[in-house]
Amino acid sequence: MTGFEIIAGNPRESDVAELLRAHLQFAREWSLPENVKVLGADALASDDVDFLVARREGLLLAIGALVPFEDGHAEIKSMHTVDEARGRGVGWAVLERLASIADERGCRRVSLETGTDKAFSPARRLYTRAGFKVCPPFGAYRSSPDSVCMTRRL
């Protein structure tokens, strides 16, 4: 898909908040309750979080966030692409922009957590294609059969 822009977003904007609710619903549907670690709008609006939206002619296509984790390490959070834009390069573009921001901020790696159910297969393929490798759980994440952590060196 061409002709879209990736810009800083406001997680409290109505269409963004709606997509965040869909993201949370998806996580709750396909993950064990203890593995649902979705950030809310207040956390995503924090000054130290880079929250991005992809839009085409004003229409929201995708969201994603970069959250500082520890010195030289950031976490990708809240990656979600609307159904109509999936498989068209929008998620890839948001992910690469987040990795670029992490690199600009001096991070040596970025990590993320996602599900293992088949519903998460497209996301895992995207992350693998973008150079992310499976890694041990980090931060508050714990080993679980329905959760996988991945990391990418910058």
Protein backbone atom coordinates (compact mmCIF):
# COMPACT_ATOMS: atom_id res chain seq x y z
CA MET A 1 0.00 0.00 0.00
CA THR A 2 1.40 3.36 -0.92
CA GLY A 3 0.37 6.85 -0.12
CA PHE A 4 0.25 6.64 3.65
CA GLU A 5 2.12 8.66 6.24
CA ILE A 6 3.52 7.68 9.61
CA ILE A 7 3.33 10.45 12.18
CA ALA A 8 3.32 10.99 15.92
CA GLY A 9 -0.11 10.06 17.20
CA ASN A 10 -2.41 10.78 20.09
CA PRO A 11 -3.65 7.61 21.79
CA ARG A 12 -6.68 9.53 23.08
CA GLU A 13 -7.89 10.50 19.61
CA SER A 14 -11.23 8.75 18.99
CA ASP A 15 -10.25 6.47 16.10
CA VAL A 16 -6.94 5.61 17.77
CA ALA A 17 -8.69 4.83 21.07
CA GLU A 18 -11.07 2.56 19.14
CA LEU A 19 -8.15 0.67 17.58
CA LEU A 20 -6.50 0.38 21.00
CA ARG A 21 -9.72 -1.18 22.32
CA ALA A 22 -9.69 -3.64 19.40
CA HIS A 23 -6.03 -4.41 20.18
CA LEU A 24 -6.91 -5.16 23.81
CA GLN A 25 -9.91 -7.27 22.80
CA PHE A 26 -7.73 -9.28 20.40
CA ALA A 27 -5.12 -9.84 23.13
CA ARG A 28 -7.77 -10.96 25.61
CA GLU A 29 -9.33 -13.32 23.07
CA TRP A 30 -6.10 -15.11 22.16
CA SER A 31 -3.91 -14.86 25.29
CA LEU A 32 -4.06 -16.06 28.86
CA PRO A 33 -5.18 -13.22 31.15
CA GLU A 34 -1.79 -13.02 32.87
CA ASN A 35 -0.12 -12.48 29.49
CA VAL A 36 -2.22 -9.50 28.41
CA LYS A 37 0.19 -6.61 28.92
CA VAL A 38 -1.48 -4.01 26.71
CA LEU A 39 -0.72 -0.39 27.58
CA GLY A 40 -3.57 2.05 28.02
CA ALA A 41 -3.85 5.49 26.46
CA ASP A 42 -2.36 7.26 29.50
CA ALA A 43 0.80 5.13 29.39
CA LEU A 44 1.08 5.51 25.61
CA ALA A 45 0.69 9.30 25.92
CA SER A 46 3.66 9.52 28.29
CA ASP A 47 6.43 11.93 27.25
CA ASP A 48 9.01 9.14 27.09
CA VAL A 49 6.92 6.98 24.71
CA ASP A 50 7.04 7.39 20.93
CA PHE A 51 3.52 6.61 19.75
CA LEU A 52 3.03 6.46 15.99
CA VAL A 53 0.04 6.20 13.71
CA ALA A 54 -0.10 5.37 10.02
CA ARG A 55 -2.79 7.20 8.07
CA ARG A 56 -3.89 7.39 4.46
CA GLU A 57 -5.94 10.45 3.62
CA GLY A 58 -6.76 10.79 7.31
CA LEU A 59 -7.91 7.16 7.68
CA LEU A 60 -6.17 5.27 10.49
CA LEU A 61 -4.32 2.19 9.24
CA ALA A 62 -1.98 1.17 12.07
CA ILE A 63 -0.46 2.08 15.41
CA GLY A 64 2.73 1.23 17.24
CA ALA A 65 4.79 2.48 20.16
CA LEU A 66 8.38 2.52 21.34
CA VAL A 67 8.77 2.40 25.11
CA PRO A 68 12.13 2.85 26.86
CA PHE A 69 12.92 -0.28 28.85
CA GLU A 70 16.44 0.03 30.18
CA ASP A 71 19.61 1.77 29.08
CA GLY A 72 20.20 0.94 25.43
CA HIS A 73 17.05 -1.22 25.19
CA ALA A 74 13.51 -0.27 24.14
CA GLU A 75 10.31 -2.26 23.74
CA ILE A 76 7.92 -2.25 20.81
CA LYS A 77 4.33 -2.11 22.12
CA SER A 78 0.80 -1.76 20.80
CA MET A 79 1.55 -2.82 17.22
CA HIS A 80 -1.79 -3.20 15.51
CA THR A 81 -2.89 -2.82 11.89
CA VAL A 82 -6.52 -2.54 10.83
CA ASP A 83 -7.81 -5.60 8.98
CA GLU A 84 -8.17 -3.76 5.66
CA ALA A 85 -4.48 -2.71 5.66
CA ARG A 86 -2.92 -6.03 6.70
CA GLY A 87 -0.42 -7.58 4.34
CA ARG A 88 0.15 -4.28 2.53
CA GLY A 89 3.38 -3.09 4.15
CA VAL A 90 1.86 -0.69 6.66
CA GLY A 91 2.83 -2.68 9.76
CA TRP A 92 6.31 -3.20 8.31
CA ALA A 93 6.71 0.56 7.78
CA VAL A 94 5.57 1.37 11.34
CA LEU A 95 7.89 -1.29 12.79
CA GLU A 96 10.87 -0.02 10.81
CA ARG A 97 10.15 3.59 11.81
CA LEU A 98 10.05 2.54 15.47
CA ALA A 99 13.36 0.68 15.10
CA SER A 100 14.85 3.76 13.44
CA ILE A 101 13.70 5.96 16.34
CA ALA A 102 15.22 3.49 18.80
CA ASP A 103 18.51 3.64 16.91
CA GLU A 104 18.41 7.46 16.90
CA ARG A 105 17.89 7.35 20.68
CA GLY A 106 21.03 5.26 21.11
CA CYS A 107 19.37 1.92 21.73
CA ARG A 108 21.42 -1.13 20.91
CA ARG A 109 18.37 -3.38 20.70
CA VAL A 110 14.59 -3.43 20.62
CA SER A 111 12.44 -6.24 21.97
CA LEU A 112 8.79 -7.19 21.97
CA GLU A 113 6.38 -9.83 23.20
CA THR A 114 3.64 -11.45 21.15
CA GLY A 115 1.38 -14.48 21.23
CA THR A 116 2.05 -18.01 20.02
CA ASP A 117 -1.48 -18.84 18.85
CA LYS A 118 -2.07 -19.02 15.10
CA ALA A 119 -3.92 -15.70 15.34
CA PHE A 120 -0.52 -14.11 16.00
CA SER A 121 1.20 -15.87 13.06
CA PRO A 122 1.13 -12.81 10.77
CA ALA A 123 2.74 -10.69 13.49
CA ARG A 124 5.43 -13.29 14.19
CA ARG A 125 6.18 -13.54 10.45
CA LEU A 126 6.49 -9.76 10.26
CA TYR A 127 8.84 -9.62 13.23
CA THR A 128 10.97 -12.50 11.95
CA ARG A 129 11.21 -10.91 8.51
CA ALA A 130 12.30 -7.66 10.22
CA GLY A 131 15.21 -9.45 11.91
CA PHE A 132 13.71 -10.20 15.32
CA LYS A 133 14.85 -13.44 16.96
CA VAL A 134 13.21 -15.39 19.77
CA CYS A 135 14.78 -14.50 23.11
CA PRO A 136 14.23 -15.29 26.80
CA PRO A 137 11.50 -13.33 28.57
CA PHE A 138 12.59 -9.84 29.64
CA GLY A 139 11.26 -7.34 32.15
CA ALA A 140 7.91 -8.40 33.63
CA TYR A 141 7.37 -11.14 31.03
CA ARG A 142 7.52 -14.76 32.17
CA SER A 143 7.87 -17.98 30.25
CA SER A 144 4.47 -19.15 29.02
CA PRO A 145 3.18 -21.47 26.30
CA ASP A 146 1.10 -18.67 24.74
CA SER A 147 3.75 -15.95 24.79
CA VAL A 148 7.03 -15.43 22.96
CA CYS A 149 9.60 -12.66 23.38
CA MET A 150 11.69 -11.50 20.44
CA THR A 151 14.60 -9.09 20.10
CA ARG A 152 16.57 -7.33 17.39
CA ARG A 153 20.02 -5.80 17.66
CA LEU A 154 20.38 -2.37 16.08
